[in-house]
Amino acid sequence: MVNAYILVQTNVGKAADVAVAIREIEGVTLAEDVTGPYDVIVRAEAGSVDELGQIVVAKVQAVEGITRTVTCPVVNI
């Protein structure tokens, strides 16, 4: 299982709408609007890195109102 945090920047005033839309995506376990340099922080899980990439590129980045994402895979050191 691959877990990651996805840091999302949105258009002004769109964070809440983006968080709601992202919560509906399969593989997303958490999506919360926050303050700071990012507007939404997402927790996602997938069976492989390729599946994670599909979630981010094909689904999360397709949500209207998103301007930028940064994906941070979780590592167990």
PDB file of N, CA and C in Angstrom:
ATOM      1  N   MET A   1       0.842  -1.182   0.000  1.00  0.00           N
ATOM      2  CA  MET A   1       0.000   0.000   0.000  1.00  0.00           C
ATOM      3  C   MET A   1       0.885   1.242   0.000  1.00  0.00           C
ATOM      4  N   VAL A   2       0.561   2.183  -0.859  1.00  0.00           N
ATOM      5  CA  VAL A   2       1.279   3.447  -0.952  1.00  0.00           C
ATOM      6  C   VAL A   2       0.360   4.540  -0.414  1.00  0.00           C
ATOM      7  N   ASN A   3       0.862   5.313   0.548  1.00  0.00           N
ATOM      8  CA  ASN A   3       0.123   6.437   1.107  1.00  0.00           C
ATOM      9  C   ASN A   3       0.845   7.728   0.743  1.00  0.00           C
ATOM     10  N   ALA A   4       0.077   8.800   0.594  1.00  0.00           N
ATOM     11  CA  ALA A   4       0.693  10.086   0.270  1.00  0.00           C
ATOM     12  C   ALA A   4      -0.184  11.223   0.772  1.00  0.00           C
ATOM     13  N   TYR A   5       0.467  12.346   1.003  1.00  0.00           N
ATOM     14  CA  TYR A   5      -0.230  13.600   1.236  1.00  0.00           C
ATOM     15  C   TYR A   5      -0.141  14.397  -0.053  1.00  0.00           C
ATOM     16  N   ILE A   6      -1.235  15.007  -0.430  1.00  0.00           N
ATOM     17  CA  ILE A   6      -1.264  15.850  -1.622  1.00  0.00           C
ATOM     18  C   ILE A   6      -1.591  17.263  -1.142  1.00  0.00           C
ATOM     19  N   LEU A   7      -0.669  18.174  -1.373  1.00  0.00           N
ATOM     20  CA  LEU A   7      -0.834  19.569  -0.970  1.00  0.00           C
ATOM     21  C   LEU A   7      -1.412  20.325  -2.159  1.00  0.00           C
ATOM     22  N   VAL A   8      -2.508  21.009  -1.951  1.00  0.00           N
ATOM     23  CA  VAL A   8      -3.264  21.597  -3.049  1.00  0.00           C
ATOM     24  C   VAL A   8      -3.388  23.106  -2.883  1.00  0.00           C
ATOM     25  N   GLN A   9      -3.104  23.825  -3.954  1.00  0.00           N
ATOM     26  CA  GLN A   9      -3.390  25.255  -4.002  1.00  0.00           C
ATOM     27  C   GLN A   9      -4.590  25.443  -4.926  1.00  0.00           C
ATOM     28  N   THR A  10      -5.465  26.382  -4.551  1.00  0.00           N
ATOM     29  CA  THR A  10      -6.682  26.607  -5.317  1.00  0.00           C
ATOM     30  C   THR A  10      -6.818  28.073  -5.712  1.00  0.00           C
ATOM     31  N   ASN A  11      -7.785  28.329  -6.570  1.00  0.00           N
ATOM     32  CA  ASN A  11      -8.157  29.706  -6.848  1.00  0.00           C
ATOM     33  C   ASN A  11      -8.736  30.308  -5.574  1.00  0.00           C
ATOM     34  N   VAL A  12      -8.641  31.611  -5.438  1.00  0.00           N
ATOM     35  CA  VAL A  12      -9.148  32.306  -4.259  1.00  0.00           C
ATOM     36  C   VAL A  12     -10.632  31.986  -4.056  1.00  0.00           C
ATOM     37  N   GLY A  13     -10.981  31.605  -2.834  1.00  0.00           N
ATOM     38  CA  GLY A  13     -12.365  31.335  -2.484  1.00  0.00           C
ATOM     39  C   GLY A  13     -12.873  29.957  -2.879  1.00  0.00           C
ATOM     40  N   LYS A  14     -12.015  29.095  -3.395  1.00  0.00           N
ATOM     41  CA  LYS A  14     -12.455  27.784  -3.882  1.00  0.00           C
ATOM     42  C   LYS A  14     -12.039  26.617  -2.994  1.00  0.00           C
ATOM     43  N   ALA A  15     -11.324  26.854  -1.907  1.00  0.00           N
ATOM     44  CA  ALA A  15     -10.780  25.763  -1.093  1.00  0.00           C
ATOM     45  C   ALA A  15     -11.866  24.826  -0.580  1.00  0.00           C
ATOM     46  N   ALA A  16     -12.939  25.342  -0.045  1.00  0.00           N
ATOM     47  CA  ALA A  16     -13.997  24.494   0.516  1.00  0.00           C
ATOM     48  C   ALA A  16     -14.641  23.640  -0.567  1.00  0.00           C
ATOM     49  N   ASP A  17     -14.927  24.221  -1.724  1.00  0.00           N
ATOM     50  CA  ASP A  17     -15.535  23.471  -2.826  1.00  0.00           C
ATOM     51  C   ASP A  17     -14.597  22.384  -3.328  1.00  0.00           C
ATOM     52  N   VAL A  18     -13.313  22.704  -3.433  1.00  0.00           N
ATOM     53  CA  VAL A  18     -12.327  21.729  -3.890  1.00  0.00           C
ATOM     54  C   VAL A  18     -12.222  20.582  -2.894  1.00  0.00           C
ATOM     55  N   ALA A  19     -12.175  20.878  -1.616  1.00  0.00           N
ATOM     56  CA  ALA A  19     -12.072  19.830  -0.593  1.00  0.00           C
ATOM     57  C   ALA A  19     -13.274  18.891  -0.663  1.00  0.00           C
ATOM     58  N   VAL A  20     -14.462  19.429  -0.828  1.00  0.00           N
ATOM     59  CA  VAL A  20     -15.666  18.604  -0.923  1.00  0.00           C
ATOM     60  C   VAL A  20     -15.588  17.691  -2.143  1.00  0.00           C
ATOM     61  N   ALA A  21     -15.174  18.227  -3.278  1.00  0.00           N
ATOM     62  CA  ALA A  21     -15.082  17.428  -4.502  1.00  0.00           C
ATOM     63  C   ALA A  21     -14.025  16.335  -4.372  1.00  0.00           C
ATOM     64  N   ILE A  22     -12.899  16.651  -3.770  1.00  0.00           N
ATOM     65  CA  ILE A  22     -11.824  15.671  -3.637  1.00  0.00           C
ATOM     66  C   ILE A  22     -12.228  14.541  -2.699  1.00  0.00           C
ATOM     67  N   ARG A  23     -13.006  14.833  -1.681  1.00  0.00           N
ATOM     68  CA  ARG A  23     -13.442  13.791  -0.736  1.00  0.00           C
ATOM     69  C   ARG A  23     -14.202  12.666  -1.429  1.00  0.00           C
ATOM     70  N   GLU A  24     -14.806  12.954  -2.565  1.00  0.00           N
ATOM     71  CA  GLU A  24     -15.598  11.968  -3.305  1.00  0.00           C
ATOM     72  C   GLU A  24     -14.744  11.026  -4.158  1.00  0.00           C
ATOM     73  N   ILE A  25     -13.458  11.309  -4.286  1.00  0.00           N
ATOM     74  CA  ILE A  25     -12.584  10.515  -5.152  1.00  0.00           C
ATOM     75  C   ILE A  25     -12.174   9.225  -4.451  1.00  0.00           C
ATOM     76  N   GLU A  26     -12.313   8.111  -5.162  1.00  0.00           N
ATOM     77  CA  GLU A  26     -11.907   6.820  -4.610  1.00  0.00           C
ATOM     78  C   GLU A  26     -10.397   6.820  -4.373  1.00  0.00           C
ATOM     79  N   GLY A  27      -9.987   6.386  -3.205  1.00  0.00           N
ATOM     80  CA  GLY A  27      -8.579   6.383  -2.822  1.00  0.00           C
ATOM     81  C   GLY A  27      -8.223   7.529  -1.896  1.00  0.00           C
ATOM     82  N   VAL A  28      -9.067   8.537  -1.839  1.00  0.00           N
ATOM     83  CA  VAL A  28      -8.850   9.664  -0.923  1.00  0.00           C
ATOM     84  C   VAL A  28      -9.446   9.285   0.429  1.00  0.00           C
ATOM     85  N   THR A  29      -8.625   9.377   1.467  1.00  0.00           N
ATOM     86  CA  THR A  29      -9.099   9.034   2.809  1.00  0.00           C
ATOM     87  C   THR A  29      -9.389  10.277   3.648  1.00  0.00           C
ATOM     88  N   LEU A  30      -8.870  11.434   3.227  1.00  0.00           N
ATOM     89  CA  LEU A  30      -9.066  12.673   3.972  1.00  0.00           C
ATOM     90  C   LEU A  30      -8.803  13.851   3.047  1.00  0.00           C
ATOM     91  N   ALA A  31      -9.617  14.878   3.137  1.00  0.00           N
ATOM     92  CA  ALA A  31      -9.382  16.123   2.402  1.00  0.00           C
ATOM     93  C   ALA A  31      -9.914  17.254   3.254  1.00  0.00           C
ATOM     94  N   GLU A  32      -9.008  18.124   3.701  1.00  0.00           N
ATOM     95  CA  GLU A  32      -9.414  19.218   4.582  1.00  0.00           C
ATOM     96  C   GLU A  32      -8.883  20.546   4.049  1.00  0.00           C
ATOM     97  N   ASP A  33      -9.733  21.566   4.118  1.00  0.00           N
ATOM     98  CA  ASP A  33      -9.258  22.897   3.764  1.00  0.00           C
ATOM     99  C   ASP A  33      -8.540  23.478   4.978  1.00  0.00           C
ATOM    100  N   VAL A  34      -7.412  24.121   4.708  1.00  0.00           N
ATOM    101  CA  VAL A  34      -6.531  24.615   5.763  1.00  0.00           C
ATOM    102  C   VAL A  34      -6.082  26.037   5.429  1.00  0.00           C
ATOM    103  N   THR A  35      -5.386  26.660   6.366  1.00  0.00           N
ATOM    104  CA  THR A  35      -4.776  27.961   6.098  1.00  0.00           C
ATOM    105  C   THR A  35      -3.282  27.764   5.896  1.00  0.00           C
ATOM    106  N   GLY A  36      -2.639  28.745   5.304  1.00  0.00           N
ATOM    107  CA  GLY A  36      -1.205  28.659   5.068  1.00  0.00           C
ATOM    108  C   GLY A  36      -0.904  28.678   3.585  1.00  0.00           C
ATOM    109  N   PRO A  37       0.279  28.190   3.189  1.00  0.00           N
ATOM    110  CA  PRO A  37       0.677  28.251   1.785  1.00  0.00           C
ATOM    111  C   PRO A  37      -0.138  27.315   0.889  1.00  0.00           C
ATOM    112  N   TYR A  38      -0.797  26.309   1.476  1.00  0.00           N
ATOM    113  CA  TYR A  38      -1.665  25.420   0.719  1.00  0.00           C
ATOM    114  C   TYR A  38      -3.087  25.597   1.216  1.00  0.00           C
ATOM    115  N   ASP A  39      -4.040  25.301   0.358  1.00  0.00           N
ATOM    116  CA  ASP A  39      -5.451  25.531   0.687  1.00  0.00           C
ATOM    117  C   ASP A  39      -6.180  24.264   1.108  1.00  0.00           C
ATOM    118  N   VAL A  40      -5.729  23.124   0.600  1.00  0.00           N
ATOM    119  CA  VAL A  40      -6.332  21.833   0.929  1.00  0.00           C
ATOM    120  C   VAL A  40      -5.206  20.826   1.114  1.00  0.00           C
ATOM    121  N   ILE A  41      -5.318  20.001   2.139  1.00  0.00           N
ATOM    122  CA  ILE A  41      -4.377  18.899   2.327  1.00  0.00           C
ATOM    123  C   ILE A  41      -5.174  17.603   2.218  1.00  0.00           C
ATOM    124  N   VAL A  42      -4.668  16.707   1.374  1.00  0.00           N
ATOM    125  CA  VAL A  42      -5.362  15.457   1.060  1.00  0.00           C
ATOM    126  C   VAL A  42      -4.492  14.293   1.506  1.00  0.00           C
ATOM    127  N   ARG A  43      -5.120  13.261   2.044  1.00  0.00           N
ATOM    128  CA  ARG A  43      -4.440  12.002   2.331  1.00  0.00           C
ATOM    129  C   ARG A  43      -5.038  10.977   1.375  1.00  0.00           C
ATOM    130  N   ALA A  44      -4.174  10.262   0.637  1.00  0.00           N
ATOM    131  CA  ALA A  44      -4.644   9.273  -0.327  1.00  0.00           C
ATOM    132  C   ALA A  44      -3.880   7.980  -0.147  1.00  0.00           C
ATOM    133  N   GLU A  45      -4.516   6.879  -0.552  1.00  0.00           N
ATOM    134  CA  GLU A  45      -3.851   5.587  -0.512  1.00  0.00           C
ATOM    135  C   GLU A  45      -4.161   4.834  -1.801  1.00  0.00           C
ATOM    136  N   ALA A  46      -3.175   4.041  -2.230  1.00  0.00           N
ATOM    137  CA  ALA A  46      -3.325   3.267  -3.459  1.00  0.00           C
ATOM    138  C   ALA A  46      -2.502   1.999  -3.339  1.00  0.00           C
ATOM    139  N   GLY A  47      -2.765   1.054  -4.228  1.00  0.00           N
ATOM    140  CA  GLY A  47      -2.067  -0.215  -4.189  1.00  0.00           C
ATOM    141  C   GLY A  47      -0.653  -0.151  -4.724  1.00  0.00           C
ATOM    142  N   SER A  48      -0.351   0.872  -5.536  1.00  0.00           N
ATOM    143  CA  SER A  48       0.986   1.012  -6.119  1.00  0.00           C
ATOM    144  C   SER A  48       1.258   2.477  -6.424  1.00  0.00           C
ATOM    145  N   VAL A  49       2.491   2.773  -6.756  1.00  0.00           N
ATOM    146  CA  VAL A  49       2.846   4.146  -7.134  1.00  0.00           C
ATOM    147  C   VAL A  49       2.110   4.546  -8.410  1.00  0.00           C
ATOM    148  N   ASP A  50       1.964   3.615  -9.334  1.00  0.00           N
ATOM    149  CA  ASP A  50       1.236   3.920 -10.570  1.00  0.00           C
ATOM    150  C   ASP A  50      -0.231   4.267 -10.281  1.00  0.00           C
ATOM    151  N   GLU A  51      -0.862   3.506  -9.394  1.00  0.00           N
ATOM    152  CA  GLU A  51      -2.244   3.807  -9.019  1.00  0.00           C
ATOM    153  C   GLU A  51      -2.339   5.166  -8.331  1.00  0.00           C
ATOM    154  N   LEU A  52      -1.368   5.477  -7.492  1.00  0.00           N
ATOM    155  CA  LEU A  52      -1.343   6.789  -6.838  1.00  0.00           C
ATOM    156  C   LEU A  52      -1.247   7.888  -7.888  1.00  0.00           C
ATOM    157  N   GLY A  53      -0.382   7.687  -8.867  1.00  0.00           N
ATOM    158  CA  GLY A  53      -0.252   8.664  -9.947  1.00  0.00           C
ATOM    159  C   GLY A  53      -1.555   8.873 -10.691  1.00  0.00           C
ATOM    160  N   GLN A  54      -2.302   7.807 -10.931  1.00  0.00           N
ATOM    161  CA  GLN A  54      -3.598   7.928 -11.597  1.00  0.00           C
ATOM    162  C   GLN A  54      -4.581   8.742 -10.753  1.00  0.00           C
ATOM    163  N   ILE A  55      -4.563   8.502  -9.448  1.00  0.00           N
ATOM    164  CA  ILE A  55      -5.450   9.276  -8.565  1.00  0.00           C
ATOM    165  C   ILE A  55      -5.114  10.758  -8.658  1.00  0.00           C
ATOM    166  N   VAL A  56      -3.823  11.079  -8.587  1.00  0.00           N
ATOM    167  CA  VAL A  56      -3.410  12.488  -8.577  1.00  0.00           C
ATOM    168  C   VAL A  56      -3.654  13.147  -9.926  1.00  0.00           C
ATOM    169  N   VAL A  57      -3.144  12.537 -10.984  1.00  0.00           N
ATOM    170  CA  VAL A  57      -3.186  13.187 -12.307  1.00  0.00           C
ATOM    171  C   VAL A  57      -4.576  13.140 -12.935  1.00  0.00           C
ATOM    172  N   ALA A  58      -5.213  11.992 -12.922  1.00  0.00           N
ATOM    173  CA  ALA A  58      -6.482  11.844 -13.629  1.00  0.00           C
ATOM    174  C   ALA A  58      -7.688  12.312 -12.824  1.00  0.00           C
ATOM    175  N   LYS A  59      -7.574  12.282 -11.494  1.00  0.00           N
ATOM    176  CA  LYS A  59      -8.752  12.599 -10.689  1.00  0.00           C
ATOM    177  C   LYS A  59      -8.600  13.887  -9.888  1.00  0.00           C
ATOM    178  N   VAL A  60      -7.590  13.972  -9.027  1.00  0.00           N
ATOM    179  CA  VAL A  60      -7.449  15.159  -8.172  1.00  0.00           C
ATOM    180  C   VAL A  60      -7.184  16.402  -9.019  1.00  0.00           C
ATOM    181  N   GLN A  61      -6.216  16.333  -9.916  1.00  0.00           N
ATOM    182  CA  GLN A  61      -5.878  17.520 -10.699  1.00  0.00           C
ATOM    183  C   GLN A  61      -6.989  17.925 -11.668  1.00  0.00           C
ATOM    184  N   ALA A  62      -7.947  17.048 -11.888  1.00  0.00           N
ATOM    185  CA  ALA A  62      -9.072  17.369 -12.771  1.00  0.00           C
ATOM    186  C   ALA A  62     -10.156  18.181 -12.067  1.00  0.00           C
ATOM    187  N   VAL A  63     -10.065  18.303 -10.749  1.00  0.00           N
ATOM    188  CA  VAL A  63     -11.076  19.059  -9.999  1.00  0.00           C
ATOM    189  C   VAL A  63     -10.949  20.542 -10.334  1.00  0.00           C
ATOM    190  N   GLU A  64     -12.076  21.137 -10.708  1.00  0.00           N
ATOM    191  CA  GLU A  64     -12.086  22.552 -11.070  1.00  0.00           C
ATOM    192  C   GLU A  64     -11.731  23.421  -9.871  1.00  0.00           C
ATOM    193  N   GLY A  65     -10.863  24.402 -10.079  1.00  0.00           N
ATOM    194  CA  GLY A  65     -10.463  25.325  -9.019  1.00  0.00           C
ATOM    195  C   GLY A  65      -9.063  25.077  -8.503  1.00  0.00           C
ATOM    196  N   ILE A  66      -8.453  23.946  -8.881  1.00  0.00           N
ATOM    197  CA  ILE A  66      -7.090  23.651  -8.438  1.00  0.00           C
ATOM    198  C   ILE A  66      -6.094  24.334  -9.362  1.00  0.00           C
ATOM    199  N   THR A  67      -5.098  24.976  -8.771  1.00  0.00           N
ATOM    200  CA  THR A  67      -4.059  25.628  -9.559  1.00  0.00           C
ATOM    201  C   THR A  67      -2.727  24.896  -9.502  1.00  0.00           C
ATOM    202  N   ARG A  68      -2.485  24.126  -8.417  1.00  0.00           N
ATOM    203  CA  ARG A  68      -1.197  23.442  -8.266  1.00  0.00           C
ATOM    204  C   ARG A  68      -1.323  22.352  -7.217  1.00  0.00           C
ATOM    205  N   THR A  69      -0.606  21.243  -7.439  1.00  0.00           N
ATOM    206  CA  THR A  69      -0.535  20.191  -6.419  1.00  0.00           C
ATOM    207  C   THR A  69       0.914  19.781  -6.208  1.00  0.00           C
ATOM    208  N   VAL A  70       1.197  19.316  -5.006  1.00  0.00           N
ATOM    209  CA  VAL A  70       2.489  18.732  -4.653  1.00  0.00           C
ATOM    210  C   VAL A  70       2.178  17.415  -3.954  1.00  0.00           C
ATOM    211  N   THR A  71       2.707  16.312  -4.476  1.00  0.00           N
ATOM    212  CA  THR A  71       2.447  14.999  -3.884  1.00  0.00           C
ATOM    213  C   THR A  71       3.636  14.569  -3.046  1.00  0.00           C
ATOM    214  N   CYS A  72       3.354  14.178  -1.807  1.00  0.00           N
ATOM    215  CA  CYS A  72       4.385  13.784  -0.851  1.00  0.00           C
ATOM    216  C   CYS A  72       4.121  12.344  -0.387  1.00  0.00           C
ATOM    217  N   PRO A  73       4.752  11.358  -1.033  1.00  0.00           N
ATOM    218  CA  PRO A  73       4.559   9.967  -0.597  1.00  0.00           C
ATOM    219  C   PRO A  73       5.092   9.769   0.823  1.00  0.00           C
ATOM    220  N   VAL A  74       4.404   8.924   1.576  1.00  0.00           N
ATOM    221  CA  VAL A  74       4.808   8.601   2.939  1.00  0.00           C
ATOM    222  C   VAL A  74       5.876   7.518   2.860  1.00  0.00           C
ATOM    223  N   VAL A  75       6.974   7.705   3.587  1.00  0.00           N
ATOM    224  CA  VAL A  75       8.032   6.702   3.665  1.00  0.00           C
ATOM    225  C   VAL A  75       8.184   6.255   5.110  1.00  0.00           C
ATOM    226  N   ASN A  76       8.507   5.006   5.278  1.00  0.00           N
ATOM    227  CA  ASN A  76       8.729   4.470   6.611  1.00  0.00           C
ATOM    228  C   ASN A  76      10.221   4.186   6.761  1.00  0.00           C
ATOM    229  N   ILE A  77      10.904   5.062   7.457  1.00  0.00           N
ATOM    230  CA  ILE A  77      12.373   4.954   7.590  1.00  0.00           C
ATOM    231  C   ILE A  77      12.726   4.178   8.832  1.00  0.00           C
TER     232      ILE A  77
END
